[in-house]
Amino acid sequence: MQFAENAKKERTAMKAESQGRMVSSVKKSSVGFLAVTGILSAIAYILMWIEFPIPFLMPPFIKFDFSDFPALIAAFALGPVSGILVELIKNILHSFSSGSFGVGELSNFILGASFAGTAGFIYQRNKTKKGAIIASVVGAVVMAAISYPSNLLVVYPFYYNFMPKEVVLSAYQLILPSIDSIEKALLVFNVPFTFVKGMIDVVLCLLLYKGVSPFLHKLNGEG
């Protein structure tokens, strides 16, 4: 009888210890997840300010930056949720001082989240170099496709309050006179630009990911 009671107590103690280790592991993983996501969000926010126009190829109000590739790294290292959070945090921070009334940031978030989220989702199912390349390219295609309705229905209508539609169109016509509508301008200029921008972020991510991945996983409590 005594033996049975001691065995029961021992099983209970082992179960409690196991649960304690599990809770500790979950907490450690959560802290690591937040730490990595926060660091990459800060880097993305800084990169968002380092932007520049593409003369002779795009109107001057459309600028290029590298702020999406930290989100792509986050999506590969920790999953699509982390990538989307990086996009959300960087745009929230940027909205406080950009002067775009949050519309530019909303568009940037929609596009960036579709890019990082798609790539991260696909990569989680095939964690190989080939899988990363496929995931990244698909993510860039999705982002480019979404850029058309996002600009046509959300961003440009808002900016028409400050810059008449005709003025916006004329900026495109200075580059390609045959463009006779905003719809055509978005298809000819913005969609390809968004795809190329995504692919440049992909190249940067693939070049840097192998070097930073061990540090990110260690910080996340995986090593």
N, C-alpha and C. Protein backbone atom coordinates (compact mmCIF):
# COMPACT_ATOMS: atom_id res chain seq x y z
N MET A 1 0.84 -1.21 0.00
CA MET A 1 0.00 0.00 0.00
C MET A 1 0.87 1.26 0.00
N GLN A 2 1.88 1.22 0.89
CA GLN A 2 2.79 2.35 0.98
C GLN A 2 3.56 2.54 -0.32
N PHE A 3 3.94 1.41 -0.91
CA PHE A 3 4.67 1.45 -2.18
C PHE A 3 3.83 2.11 -3.27
N ALA A 4 2.55 1.74 -3.31
CA ALA A 4 1.64 2.32 -4.32
C ALA A 4 1.48 3.81 -4.13
N GLU A 5 1.39 4.25 -2.86
CA GLU A 5 1.24 5.68 -2.59
C GLU A 5 2.50 6.44 -2.99
N ASN A 6 3.67 5.85 -2.69
CA ASN A 6 4.93 6.51 -3.06
C ASN A 6 5.07 6.62 -4.58
N ALA A 7 4.66 5.54 -5.27
CA ALA A 7 4.73 5.55 -6.74
C ALA A 7 3.81 6.61 -7.31
N LYS A 8 2.63 6.76 -6.71
CA LYS A 8 1.66 7.75 -7.17
C LYS A 8 2.21 9.16 -6.97
N LYS A 9 2.83 9.38 -5.78
CA LYS A 9 3.42 10.69 -5.50
C LYS A 9 4.55 11.01 -6.47
N GLU A 10 5.33 9.98 -6.79
CA GLU A 10 6.44 10.16 -7.71
C GLU A 10 5.96 10.51 -9.11
N ARG A 11 4.89 9.84 -9.55
CA ARG A 11 4.32 10.14 -10.87
C ARG A 11 3.77 11.56 -10.90
N THR A 12 3.12 11.96 -9.80
CA THR A 12 2.56 13.31 -9.71
C THR A 12 3.66 14.36 -9.77
N ALA A 13 4.77 14.08 -9.05
CA ALA A 13 5.90 15.02 -9.04
C ALA A 13 6.53 15.12 -10.41
N MET A 14 6.68 13.97 -11.09
CA MET A 14 7.27 13.97 -12.42
C MET A 14 6.39 14.72 -13.41
N LYS A 15 5.07 14.53 -13.26
CA LYS A 15 4.13 15.22 -14.14
C LYS A 15 4.19 16.73 -13.94
N ALA A 16 4.26 17.14 -12.66
CA ALA A 16 4.35 18.57 -12.35
C ALA A 16 5.64 19.16 -12.88
N GLU A 17 6.75 18.41 -12.74
CA GLU A 17 8.03 18.87 -13.24
C GLU A 17 8.01 19.01 -14.75
N SER A 18 7.39 18.03 -15.43
CA SER A 18 7.29 18.07 -16.88
C SER A 18 6.47 19.27 -17.33
N GLN A 19 5.35 19.51 -16.64
CA GLN A 19 4.51 20.66 -16.99
C GLN A 19 5.24 21.97 -16.75
N GLY A 20 6.04 22.00 -15.66
CA GLY A 20 6.81 23.20 -15.36
C GLY A 20 7.83 23.50 -16.45
N ARG A 21 8.52 22.44 -16.91
CA ARG A 21 9.49 22.63 -17.99
C ARG A 21 8.80 23.10 -19.27
N MET A 22 7.60 22.54 -19.52
CA MET A 22 6.86 22.92 -20.73
C MET A 22 6.46 24.39 -20.68
N VAL A 23 5.95 24.83 -19.51
CA VAL A 23 5.55 26.22 -19.35
C VAL A 23 6.75 27.14 -19.50
N SER A 24 7.88 26.74 -18.90
CA SER A 24 9.10 27.54 -18.99
C SER A 24 9.58 27.63 -20.43
N SER A 25 9.48 26.53 -21.16
CA SER A 25 9.90 26.51 -22.56
C SER A 25 9.02 27.41 -23.42
N VAL A 26 7.71 27.37 -23.15
CA VAL A 26 6.77 28.21 -23.90
C VAL A 26 7.05 29.69 -23.64
N LYS A 27 7.30 30.03 -22.37
CA LYS A 27 7.58 31.41 -22.02
C LYS A 27 8.87 31.89 -22.68
N LYS A 28 9.89 31.03 -22.65
CA LYS A 28 11.17 31.37 -23.27
C LYS A 28 11.01 31.57 -24.76
N SER A 29 10.23 30.67 -25.38
CA SER A 29 10.00 30.78 -26.82
C SER A 29 9.24 32.05 -27.17
N SER A 30 8.25 32.41 -26.35
CA SER A 30 7.46 33.63 -26.58
C SER A 30 8.33 34.88 -26.47
N VAL A 31 9.19 34.89 -25.45
CA VAL A 31 10.09 36.04 -25.27
C VAL A 31 11.04 36.14 -26.46
N GLY A 32 11.57 35.00 -26.89
CA GLY A 32 12.47 35.00 -28.05
C GLY A 32 11.78 35.46 -29.31
N PHE A 33 10.55 35.01 -29.52
CA PHE A 33 9.75 35.40 -30.69
C PHE A 33 9.57 36.92 -30.71
N LEU A 34 9.20 37.47 -29.57
CA LEU A 34 8.98 38.92 -29.48
C LEU A 34 10.28 39.69 -29.68
N ALA A 35 11.38 39.14 -29.14
CA ALA A 35 12.67 39.82 -29.26
C ALA A 35 13.12 39.89 -30.72
N VAL A 36 13.06 38.75 -31.40
CA VAL A 36 13.48 38.72 -32.80
C VAL A 36 12.58 39.59 -33.66
N THR A 37 11.27 39.49 -33.44
CA THR A 37 10.32 40.29 -34.21
C THR A 37 10.55 41.78 -33.96
N GLY A 38 10.82 42.15 -32.71
CA GLY A 38 11.07 43.55 -32.37
C GLY A 38 12.33 44.09 -33.03
N ILE A 39 13.40 43.31 -32.99
CA ILE A 39 14.67 43.74 -33.60
C ILE A 39 14.50 43.95 -35.10
N LEU A 40 13.87 42.99 -35.76
CA LEU A 40 13.69 43.10 -37.21
C LEU A 40 12.71 44.22 -37.57
N SER A 41 11.74 44.49 -36.70
CA SER A 41 10.82 45.61 -36.93
C SER A 41 11.56 46.93 -36.87
N ALA A 42 12.48 47.05 -35.91
CA ALA A 42 13.27 48.28 -35.78
C ALA A 42 14.14 48.50 -37.01
N ILE A 43 14.76 47.42 -37.49
CA ILE A 43 15.59 47.53 -38.70
C ILE A 43 14.73 47.93 -39.90
N ALA A 44 13.55 47.30 -40.02
CA ALA A 44 12.65 47.62 -41.13
C ALA A 44 12.19 49.08 -41.07
N TYR A 45 11.92 49.56 -39.86
CA TYR A 45 11.49 50.96 -39.68
C TYR A 45 12.58 51.92 -40.14
N ILE A 46 13.82 51.65 -39.76
CA ILE A 46 14.94 52.50 -40.17
C ILE A 46 15.10 52.48 -41.69
N LEU A 47 15.02 51.29 -42.26
CA LEU A 47 15.18 51.16 -43.71
C LEU A 47 14.05 51.86 -44.47
N MET A 48 12.88 51.96 -43.83
CA MET A 48 11.74 52.60 -44.48
C MET A 48 12.02 54.09 -44.74
N TRP A 49 12.90 54.68 -43.94
CA TRP A 49 13.25 56.09 -44.13
C TRP A 49 14.32 56.28 -45.19
N ILE A 50 15.03 55.20 -45.51
CA ILE A 50 16.08 55.29 -46.53
C ILE A 50 15.45 54.94 -47.87
N GLU A 51 14.84 55.92 -48.48
CA GLU A 51 14.13 55.71 -49.74
C GLU A 51 14.64 56.67 -50.80
N PHE A 52 14.47 56.30 -52.05
CA PHE A 52 14.95 57.15 -53.12
C PHE A 52 14.11 56.93 -54.37
N PRO A 53 13.97 57.97 -55.21
CA PRO A 53 13.19 57.84 -56.45
C PRO A 53 13.96 57.06 -57.51
N ILE A 54 13.26 56.64 -58.54
CA ILE A 54 13.86 55.94 -59.68
C ILE A 54 13.64 56.81 -60.92
N PRO A 55 14.54 57.78 -61.18
CA PRO A 55 14.33 58.72 -62.30
C PRO A 55 14.21 58.01 -63.65
N PHE A 56 13.33 58.57 -64.49
CA PHE A 56 13.12 58.10 -65.86
C PHE A 56 12.36 56.76 -65.95
N LEU A 57 12.17 56.09 -64.80
CA LEU A 57 11.44 54.82 -64.81
C LEU A 57 10.13 54.90 -64.04
N MET A 58 10.09 55.74 -63.00
CA MET A 58 8.88 55.88 -62.18
C MET A 58 8.67 57.35 -61.87
N PRO A 59 7.42 57.77 -61.68
CA PRO A 59 7.15 59.15 -61.26
C PRO A 59 7.86 59.46 -59.94
N PRO A 60 8.21 60.71 -59.70
CA PRO A 60 9.00 61.07 -58.51
C PRO A 60 8.32 60.79 -57.18
N PHE A 61 6.99 60.68 -57.17
CA PHE A 61 6.31 60.42 -55.90
C PHE A 61 6.33 58.93 -55.51
N ILE A 62 6.85 58.09 -56.38
CA ILE A 62 7.00 56.67 -56.07
C ILE A 62 8.48 56.40 -55.79
N LYS A 63 8.76 55.92 -54.59
CA LYS A 63 10.15 55.74 -54.18
C LYS A 63 10.43 54.30 -53.77
N PHE A 64 11.70 53.98 -53.82
CA PHE A 64 12.14 52.61 -53.52
C PHE A 64 12.78 52.56 -52.14
N ASP A 65 12.51 51.49 -51.39
CA ASP A 65 13.20 51.26 -50.13
C ASP A 65 13.37 49.75 -49.92
N PHE A 66 14.18 49.40 -48.93
CA PHE A 66 14.50 48.00 -48.68
C PHE A 66 13.82 47.47 -47.41
N SER A 67 12.75 48.10 -46.99
CA SER A 67 12.20 47.80 -45.67
C SER A 67 11.42 46.49 -45.59
N ASP A 68 11.20 45.82 -46.71
CA ASP A 68 10.44 44.57 -46.66
C ASP A 68 11.31 43.34 -46.40
N PHE A 69 12.62 43.45 -46.65
CA PHE A 69 13.41 42.23 -46.52
C PHE A 69 13.60 41.78 -45.07
N PRO A 70 13.61 42.69 -44.05
CA PRO A 70 13.63 42.18 -42.67
C PRO A 70 12.37 41.37 -42.33
N ALA A 71 11.23 41.78 -42.90
CA ALA A 71 10.00 41.03 -42.68
C ALA A 71 10.07 39.66 -43.32
N LEU A 72 10.73 39.58 -44.47
CA LEU A 72 10.90 38.29 -45.14
C LEU A 72 11.81 37.38 -44.32
N ILE A 73 12.87 37.95 -43.75
CA ILE A 73 13.74 37.17 -42.87
C ILE A 73 12.97 36.66 -41.66
N ALA A 74 12.14 37.52 -41.09
CA ALA A 74 11.32 37.12 -39.94
C ALA A 74 10.37 36.00 -40.30
N ALA A 75 9.78 36.10 -41.49
CA ALA A 75 8.84 35.07 -41.93
C ALA A 75 9.53 33.73 -42.13
N PHE A 76 10.76 33.75 -42.63
CA PHE A 76 11.51 32.51 -42.81
C PHE A 76 11.99 31.94 -41.48
N ALA A 77 12.45 32.81 -40.58
CA ALA A 77 13.03 32.35 -39.32
C ALA A 77 11.97 31.90 -38.32
N LEU A 78 10.87 32.64 -38.22
CA LEU A 78 9.88 32.38 -37.18
C LEU A 78 8.48 32.07 -37.70
N GLY A 79 8.26 32.20 -38.99
CA GLY A 79 6.94 31.93 -39.54
C GLY A 79 6.25 33.17 -40.05
N PRO A 80 5.16 33.00 -40.78
CA PRO A 80 4.48 34.13 -41.42
C PRO A 80 3.94 35.17 -40.45
N VAL A 81 3.54 34.75 -39.25
CA VAL A 81 2.99 35.71 -38.28
C VAL A 81 4.04 36.74 -37.90
N SER A 82 5.27 36.29 -37.69
CA SER A 82 6.36 37.22 -37.35
C SER A 82 6.60 38.20 -38.49
N GLY A 83 6.61 37.71 -39.73
CA GLY A 83 6.80 38.59 -40.87
C GLY A 83 5.72 39.65 -40.97
N ILE A 84 4.48 39.25 -40.75
CA ILE A 84 3.36 40.20 -40.80
C ILE A 84 3.47 41.21 -39.67
N LEU A 85 3.88 40.76 -38.48
CA LEU A 85 4.04 41.68 -37.35
C LEU A 85 5.13 42.71 -37.62
N VAL A 86 6.21 42.30 -38.25
CA VAL A 86 7.27 43.26 -38.61
C VAL A 86 6.71 44.34 -39.52
N GLU A 87 5.91 43.94 -40.50
CA GLU A 87 5.29 44.91 -41.41
C GLU A 87 4.34 45.84 -40.65
N LEU A 88 3.60 45.29 -39.72
CA LEU A 88 2.64 46.10 -38.95
C LEU A 88 3.35 47.10 -38.06
N ILE A 89 4.35 46.64 -37.32
CA ILE A 89 5.05 47.51 -36.36
C ILE A 89 5.79 48.64 -37.08
N LYS A 90 6.50 48.30 -38.16
CA LYS A 90 7.28 49.34 -38.86
C LYS A 90 6.35 50.42 -39.41
N ASN A 91 5.17 50.03 -39.90
CA ASN A 91 4.25 51.02 -40.48
C ASN A 91 3.55 51.84 -39.41
N ILE A 92 3.25 51.23 -38.27
CA ILE A 92 2.67 52.00 -37.17
C ILE A 92 3.66 53.07 -36.71
N LEU A 93 4.92 52.68 -36.54
CA LEU A 93 5.95 53.64 -36.12
C LEU A 93 6.14 54.73 -37.17
N HIS A 94 6.15 54.34 -38.43
CA HIS A 94 6.38 55.30 -39.51
C HIS A 94 5.24 56.29 -39.64
N SER A 95 4.03 55.85 -39.32
CA SER A 95 2.84 56.70 -39.51
C SER A 95 2.84 57.92 -38.58
N PHE A 96 3.58 57.85 -37.48
CA PHE A 96 3.58 58.95 -36.52
C PHE A 96 4.28 60.20 -37.06
N SER A 97 5.14 60.04 -38.04
CA SER A 97 5.91 61.20 -38.50
C SER A 97 6.03 61.30 -40.02
N SER A 98 5.28 60.50 -40.75
CA SER A 98 5.44 60.51 -42.21
C SER A 98 4.64 61.61 -42.90
N GLY A 99 3.54 62.02 -42.30
CA GLY A 99 2.69 63.02 -42.93
C GLY A 99 1.77 62.48 -44.01
N SER A 100 1.66 61.16 -44.11
CA SER A 100 0.80 60.57 -45.15
C SER A 100 -0.58 60.22 -44.62
N PHE A 101 -0.86 60.62 -43.38
CA PHE A 101 -2.15 60.36 -42.74
C PHE A 101 -2.46 58.86 -42.62
N GLY A 102 -1.43 58.06 -42.64
CA GLY A 102 -1.61 56.62 -42.47
C GLY A 102 -1.98 55.86 -43.72
N VAL A 103 -2.29 56.57 -44.80
CA VAL A 103 -2.73 55.89 -46.02
C VAL A 103 -1.56 55.17 -46.69
N GLY A 104 -0.44 55.87 -46.79
CA GLY A 104 0.75 55.24 -47.36
C GLY A 104 1.18 54.03 -46.56
N GLU A 105 1.09 54.15 -45.24
CA GLU A 105 1.47 53.03 -44.37
C GLU A 105 0.49 51.88 -44.50
N LEU A 106 -0.79 52.19 -44.65
CA LEU A 106 -1.78 51.14 -44.82
C LEU A 106 -1.49 50.34 -46.09
N SER A 107 -1.20 51.06 -47.17
CA SER A 107 -0.86 50.39 -48.42
C SER A 107 0.41 49.57 -48.28
N ASN A 108 1.42 50.16 -47.63
CA ASN A 108 2.69 49.45 -47.44
C ASN A 108 2.48 48.18 -46.61
N PHE A 109 1.63 48.28 -45.61
CA PHE A 109 1.36 47.10 -44.77
C PHE A 109 0.64 46.01 -45.56
N ILE A 110 -0.37 46.41 -46.32
CA ILE A 110 -1.13 45.43 -47.11
C ILE A 110 -0.20 44.67 -48.06
N LEU A 111 0.65 45.42 -48.75
CA LEU A 111 1.56 44.79 -49.72
C LEU A 111 2.64 43.97 -49.01
N GLY A 112 3.26 44.57 -48.00
CA GLY A 112 4.32 43.87 -47.28
C GLY A 112 3.83 42.63 -46.57
N ALA A 113 2.65 42.72 -45.96
CA ALA A 113 2.10 41.56 -45.25
C ALA A 113 1.75 40.44 -46.21
N SER A 114 1.24 40.79 -47.39
CA SER A 114 0.93 39.76 -48.38
C SER A 114 2.21 39.09 -48.87
N PHE A 115 3.27 39.87 -48.99
CA PHE A 115 4.58 39.37 -49.44
C PHE A 115 5.18 38.43 -48.40
N ALA A 116 5.40 38.94 -47.20
CA ALA A 116 6.04 38.15 -46.14
C ALA A 116 5.15 37.00 -45.68
N GLY A 117 3.85 37.27 -45.56
CA GLY A 117 2.94 36.23 -45.10
C GLY A 117 2.87 35.06 -46.08
N THR A 118 2.76 35.36 -47.37
CA THR A 118 2.71 34.30 -48.38
C THR A 118 4.01 33.51 -48.41
N ALA A 119 5.14 34.22 -48.46
CA ALA A 119 6.44 33.55 -48.51
C ALA A 119 6.68 32.70 -47.27
N GLY A 120 6.35 33.24 -46.09
CA GLY A 120 6.55 32.49 -44.86
C GLY A 120 5.68 31.26 -44.78
N PHE A 121 4.44 31.38 -45.22
CA PHE A 121 3.50 30.26 -45.19
C PHE A 121 4.00 29.11 -46.07
N ILE A 122 4.46 29.44 -47.26
CA ILE A 122 4.94 28.41 -48.19
C ILE A 122 6.24 27.80 -47.69
N TYR A 123 7.15 28.64 -47.18
CA TYR A 123 8.45 28.15 -46.74
C TYR A 123 8.33 27.19 -45.55
N GLN A 124 7.37 27.43 -44.68
CA GLN A 124 7.19 26.57 -43.52
C GLN A 124 6.89 25.13 -43.93
N ARG A 125 6.42 24.93 -45.14
CA ARG A 125 6.07 23.59 -45.62
C ARG A 125 7.19 22.95 -46.45
N ASN A 126 8.23 23.71 -46.72
CA ASN A 126 9.36 23.16 -47.47
C ASN A 126 10.60 23.98 -47.15
N LYS A 127 11.23 23.67 -46.02
CA LYS A 127 12.35 24.47 -45.52
C LYS A 127 13.66 24.06 -46.19
N THR A 128 13.75 24.34 -47.46
CA THR A 128 14.97 24.11 -48.23
C THR A 128 15.29 25.39 -48.99
N LYS A 129 16.49 25.45 -49.58
CA LYS A 129 16.85 26.63 -50.36
C LYS A 129 15.90 26.80 -51.54
N LYS A 130 15.59 25.69 -52.19
CA LYS A 130 14.64 25.74 -53.30
C LYS A 130 13.27 26.20 -52.81
N GLY A 131 12.86 25.70 -51.65
CA GLY A 131 11.58 26.11 -51.08
C GLY A 131 11.56 27.59 -50.76
N ALA A 132 12.69 28.12 -50.28
CA ALA A 132 12.77 29.54 -49.96
C ALA A 132 12.65 30.39 -51.22
N ILE A 133 13.30 29.94 -52.29
CA ILE A 133 13.25 30.69 -53.56
C ILE A 133 11.83 30.70 -54.12
N ILE A 134 11.20 29.53 -54.13
CA ILE A 134 9.82 29.43 -54.63
C ILE A 134 8.89 30.29 -53.78
N ALA A 135 9.02 30.18 -52.48
CA ALA A 135 8.16 30.94 -51.56
C ALA A 135 8.32 32.44 -51.78
N SER A 136 9.58 32.88 -51.95
CA SER A 136 9.85 34.31 -52.13
C SER A 136 9.27 34.84 -53.44
N VAL A 137 9.47 34.08 -54.51
CA VAL A 137 8.96 34.52 -55.82
C VAL A 137 7.43 34.58 -55.81
N VAL A 138 6.80 33.56 -55.24
CA VAL A 138 5.34 33.57 -55.15
C VAL A 138 4.87 34.76 -54.31
N GLY A 139 5.58 35.03 -53.21
CA GLY A 139 5.24 36.18 -52.38
C GLY A 139 5.34 37.48 -53.14
N ALA A 140 6.39 37.64 -53.97
CA ALA A 140 6.57 38.85 -54.76
C ALA A 140 5.46 38.99 -55.80
N VAL A 141 5.05 37.88 -56.40
CA VAL A 141 3.96 37.90 -57.40
C VAL A 141 2.65 38.32 -56.73
N VAL A 142 2.38 37.75 -55.56
CA VAL A 142 1.15 38.10 -54.83
C VAL A 142 1.16 39.58 -54.47
N MET A 143 2.28 40.07 -53.98
CA MET A 143 2.39 41.49 -53.62
C MET A 143 2.14 42.38 -54.83
N ALA A 144 2.74 42.03 -55.96
CA ALA A 144 2.57 42.84 -57.18
C ALA A 144 1.10 42.83 -57.62
N ALA A 145 0.46 41.67 -57.54
CA ALA A 145 -0.94 41.56 -57.95
C ALA A 145 -1.84 42.40 -57.05
N ILE A 146 -1.58 42.37 -55.76
CA ILE A 146 -2.41 43.12 -54.81
C ILE A 146 -2.16 44.62 -54.92
N SER A 147 -0.98 45.00 -55.40
CA SER A 147 -0.67 46.43 -55.51
C SER A 147 -1.64 47.15 -56.44
N TYR A 148 -2.16 46.45 -57.45
CA TYR A 148 -3.07 47.11 -58.40
C TYR A 148 -4.36 47.58 -57.73
N PRO A 149 -5.16 46.68 -57.12
CA PRO A 149 -6.39 47.16 -56.48
C PRO A 149 -6.11 48.06 -55.27
N SER A 150 -5.00 47.80 -54.57
CA SER A 150 -4.67 48.63 -53.41
C SER A 150 -4.44 50.08 -53.82
N ASN A 151 -3.66 50.29 -54.87
CA ASN A 151 -3.41 51.65 -55.34
C ASN A 151 -4.64 52.27 -55.99
N LEU A 152 -5.33 51.48 -56.80
CA LEU A 152 -6.47 52.00 -57.55
C LEU A 152 -7.64 52.38 -56.65
N LEU A 153 -7.89 51.57 -55.63
CA LEU A 153 -9.09 51.75 -54.81
C LEU A 153 -8.86 52.44 -53.47
N VAL A 154 -7.61 52.43 -52.98
CA VAL A 154 -7.35 52.98 -51.64
C VAL A 154 -6.40 54.17 -51.70
N VAL A 155 -5.20 53.96 -52.19
CA VAL A 155 -4.15 54.98 -52.06
C VAL A 155 -4.38 56.18 -52.97
N TYR A 156 -4.53 55.94 -54.26
CA TYR A 156 -4.64 57.05 -55.20
C TYR A 156 -5.91 57.89 -54.98
N PRO A 157 -7.08 57.29 -54.76
CA PRO A 157 -8.26 58.12 -54.48
C PRO A 157 -8.06 59.08 -53.32
N PHE A 158 -7.32 58.63 -52.31
CA PHE A 158 -7.05 59.52 -51.17
C PHE A 158 -6.15 60.68 -51.61
N TYR A 159 -5.10 60.38 -52.33
CA TYR A 159 -4.15 61.42 -52.72
C TYR A 159 -4.70 62.37 -53.76
N TYR A 160 -5.80 61.99 -54.42
CA TYR A 160 -6.44 62.92 -55.35
C TYR A 160 -6.97 64.15 -54.62
N ASN A 161 -7.13 64.05 -53.30
CA ASN A 161 -7.57 65.21 -52.52
C ASN A 161 -6.48 66.28 -52.46
N PHE A 162 -5.24 65.88 -52.67
CA PHE A 162 -4.13 66.82 -52.59
C PHE A 162 -3.46 67.04 -53.95
N MET A 163 -3.58 66.07 -54.83
CA MET A 163 -2.98 66.15 -56.16
C MET A 163 -4.01 65.65 -57.16
N PRO A 164 -4.56 66.53 -57.98
CA PRO A 164 -5.62 66.12 -58.92
C PRO A 164 -5.21 64.92 -59.76
N LYS A 165 -6.20 64.13 -60.13
CA LYS A 165 -5.96 62.92 -60.90
C LYS A 165 -5.19 63.21 -62.18
N GLU A 166 -5.51 64.32 -62.80
CA GLU A 166 -4.86 64.68 -64.06
C GLU A 166 -3.36 64.93 -63.86
N VAL A 167 -3.02 65.52 -62.70
CA VAL A 167 -1.61 65.80 -62.40
C VAL A 167 -0.85 64.48 -62.18
N VAL A 168 -1.50 63.56 -61.46
CA VAL A 168 -0.88 62.25 -61.23
C VAL A 168 -0.64 61.55 -62.57
N LEU A 169 -1.66 61.57 -63.43
CA LEU A 169 -1.53 60.92 -64.73
C LEU A 169 -0.44 61.56 -65.58
N SER A 170 -0.34 62.89 -65.50
CA SER A 170 0.67 63.59 -66.30
C SER A 170 2.09 63.20 -65.88
N ALA A 171 2.27 62.84 -64.61
CA ALA A 171 3.60 62.41 -64.15
C ALA A 171 4.01 61.10 -64.84
N TYR A 172 3.04 60.24 -65.07
CA TYR A 172 3.32 59.01 -65.82
C TYR A 172 3.54 59.30 -67.30
N GLN A 173 2.76 60.26 -67.83
CA GLN A 173 2.86 60.57 -69.26
C GLN A 173 4.19 61.22 -69.62
N LEU A 174 4.83 61.84 -68.65
CA LEU A 174 6.16 62.40 -68.90
C LEU A 174 7.16 61.30 -69.22
N ILE A 175 6.90 60.11 -68.69
CA ILE A 175 7.78 58.97 -68.94
C ILE A 175 7.32 58.20 -70.17
N LEU A 176 5.99 58.00 -70.26
CA LEU A 176 5.42 57.25 -71.39
C LEU A 176 4.15 57.97 -71.86
N PRO A 177 4.27 58.84 -72.87
CA PRO A 177 3.14 59.67 -73.31
C PRO A 177 1.89 58.89 -73.71
N SER A 178 2.02 57.64 -74.12
CA SER A 178 0.86 56.89 -74.58
C SER A 178 -0.06 56.43 -73.44
N ILE A 179 0.36 56.58 -72.22
CA ILE A 179 -0.48 56.20 -71.08
C ILE A 179 -1.63 57.19 -70.98
N ASP A 180 -2.87 56.70 -71.07
CA ASP A 180 -4.01 57.61 -71.08
C ASP A 180 -4.99 57.38 -69.93
N SER A 181 -4.61 56.56 -68.94
CA SER A 181 -5.48 56.36 -67.78
C SER A 181 -4.65 55.88 -66.60
N ILE A 182 -5.16 56.13 -65.42
CA ILE A 182 -4.48 55.67 -64.20
C ILE A 182 -4.43 54.15 -64.17
N GLU A 183 -5.51 53.51 -64.65
CA GLU A 183 -5.53 52.04 -64.66
C GLU A 183 -4.36 51.48 -65.46
N LYS A 184 -4.13 52.04 -66.64
CA LYS A 184 -3.01 51.59 -67.47
C LYS A 184 -1.67 51.92 -66.81
N ALA A 185 -1.61 53.09 -66.17
CA ALA A 185 -0.37 53.50 -65.52
C ALA A 185 0.02 52.52 -64.41
N LEU A 186 -0.97 52.11 -63.66
CA LEU A 186 -0.70 51.16 -62.57
C LEU A 186 -0.23 49.82 -63.11
N LEU A 187 -0.85 49.37 -64.20
CA LEU A 187 -0.47 48.08 -64.78
C LEU A 187 0.92 48.13 -65.41
N VAL A 188 1.22 49.24 -66.08
CA VAL A 188 2.49 49.34 -66.80
C VAL A 188 3.66 49.69 -65.87
N PHE A 189 3.38 50.53 -64.88
CA PHE A 189 4.46 51.00 -64.01
C PHE A 189 4.46 50.34 -62.62
N ASN A 190 3.37 50.49 -61.89
CA ASN A 190 3.37 50.11 -60.47
C ASN A 190 3.47 48.61 -60.25
N VAL A 191 2.72 47.83 -61.02
CA VAL A 191 2.75 46.37 -60.80
C VAL A 191 4.14 45.80 -61.06
N PRO A 192 4.77 46.09 -62.21
CA PRO A 192 6.14 45.59 -62.41
C PRO A 192 7.13 46.13 -61.38
N PHE A 193 6.98 47.41 -61.03
CA PHE A 193 7.87 48.01 -60.03
C PHE A 193 7.77 47.28 -58.70
N THR A 194 6.55 46.96 -58.28
CA THR A 194 6.35 46.27 -57.02
C THR A 194 6.96 44.87 -57.05
N PHE A 195 6.82 44.20 -58.19
CA PHE A 195 7.40 42.87 -58.31
C PHE A 195 8.93 42.93 -58.25
N VAL A 196 9.52 43.86 -58.99
CA VAL A 196 10.98 44.00 -58.98
C VAL A 196 11.47 44.37 -57.59
N LYS A 197 10.76 45.27 -56.94
CA LYS A 197 11.11 45.65 -55.57
C LYS A 197 11.11 44.42 -54.66
N GLY A 198 10.08 43.60 -54.81
CA GLY A 198 10.01 42.37 -54.02
C GLY A 198 11.16 41.44 -54.31
N MET A 199 11.52 41.30 -55.57
CA MET A 199 12.60 40.39 -55.95
C MET A 199 13.96 40.88 -55.44
N ILE A 200 14.15 42.19 -55.40
CA ILE A 200 15.40 42.72 -54.83
C ILE A 200 15.47 42.38 -53.34
N ASP A 201 14.33 42.51 -52.65
CA ASP A 201 14.27 42.11 -51.24
C ASP A 201 14.55 40.62 -51.08
N VAL A 202 14.07 39.84 -52.04
CA VAL A 202 14.31 38.38 -52.01
C VAL A 202 15.80 38.09 -52.10
N VAL A 203 16.48 38.76 -53.04
CA VAL A 203 17.93 38.54 -53.21
C VAL A 203 18.68 38.92 -51.94
N LEU A 204 18.32 40.05 -51.34
CA LEU A 204 18.97 40.47 -50.10
C LEU A 204 18.75 39.46 -48.99
N CYS A 205 17.52 38.98 -48.90
CA CYS A 205 17.18 38.00 -47.86
C CYS A 205 17.97 36.72 -48.04
N LEU A 206 18.03 36.22 -49.26
CA LEU A 206 18.73 34.97 -49.52
C LEU A 206 20.24 35.11 -49.28
N LEU A 207 20.78 36.30 -49.54
CA LEU A 207 22.20 36.53 -49.30
C LEU A 207 22.52 36.62 -47.81
N LEU A 208 21.61 37.19 -47.04
CA LEU A 208 21.88 37.47 -45.63
C LEU A 208 21.33 36.41 -44.68
N TYR A 209 20.32 35.67 -45.11
CA TYR A 209 19.59 34.79 -44.18
C TYR A 209 20.50 33.73 -43.55
N LYS A 210 21.35 33.11 -44.35
CA LYS A 210 22.20 32.05 -43.82
C LYS A 210 23.12 32.57 -42.73
N GLY A 211 23.58 33.82 -42.88
CA GLY A 211 24.48 34.40 -41.89
C GLY A 211 23.79 34.79 -40.60
N VAL A 212 22.56 35.32 -40.70
CA VAL A 212 21.88 35.81 -39.50
C VAL A 212 20.97 34.77 -38.86
N SER A 213 20.64 33.71 -39.61
CA SER A 213 19.70 32.70 -39.10
C SER A 213 20.13 32.07 -37.78
N PRO A 214 21.41 31.65 -37.61
CA PRO A 214 21.81 31.04 -36.33
C PRO A 214 21.60 31.99 -35.15
N PHE A 215 21.91 33.27 -35.34
CA PHE A 215 21.72 34.26 -34.27
C PHE A 215 20.24 34.42 -33.92
N LEU A 216 19.40 34.50 -34.95
CA LEU A 216 17.97 34.67 -34.73
C LEU A 216 17.37 33.47 -34.01
N HIS A 217 17.77 32.27 -34.42
CA HIS A 217 17.25 31.07 -33.77
C HIS A 217 17.75 30.94 -32.34
N LYS A 218 18.99 31.36 -32.11
CA LYS A 218 19.53 31.34 -30.74
C LYS A 218 18.77 32.32 -29.86
N LEU A 219 18.54 33.50 -30.39
CA LEU A 219 17.79 34.52 -29.66
C LEU A 219 16.36 34.06 -29.39
N ASN A 220 15.85 33.23 -30.27
CA ASN A 220 14.50 32.70 -30.12
C ASN A 220 14.47 31.51 -29.15
N GLY A 221 15.65 31.12 -28.63
CA GLY A 221 15.69 30.03 -27.67
C GLY A 221 15.76 28.66 -28.29
N GLU A 222 16.18 28.59 -29.56
CA GLU A 222 16.23 27.31 -30.26
C GLU A 222 17.62 26.71 -30.29
N GLY A 223 18.59 27.43 -29.78
CA GLY A 223 19.95 26.92 -29.84
C GLY A 223 20.73 27.19 -28.59
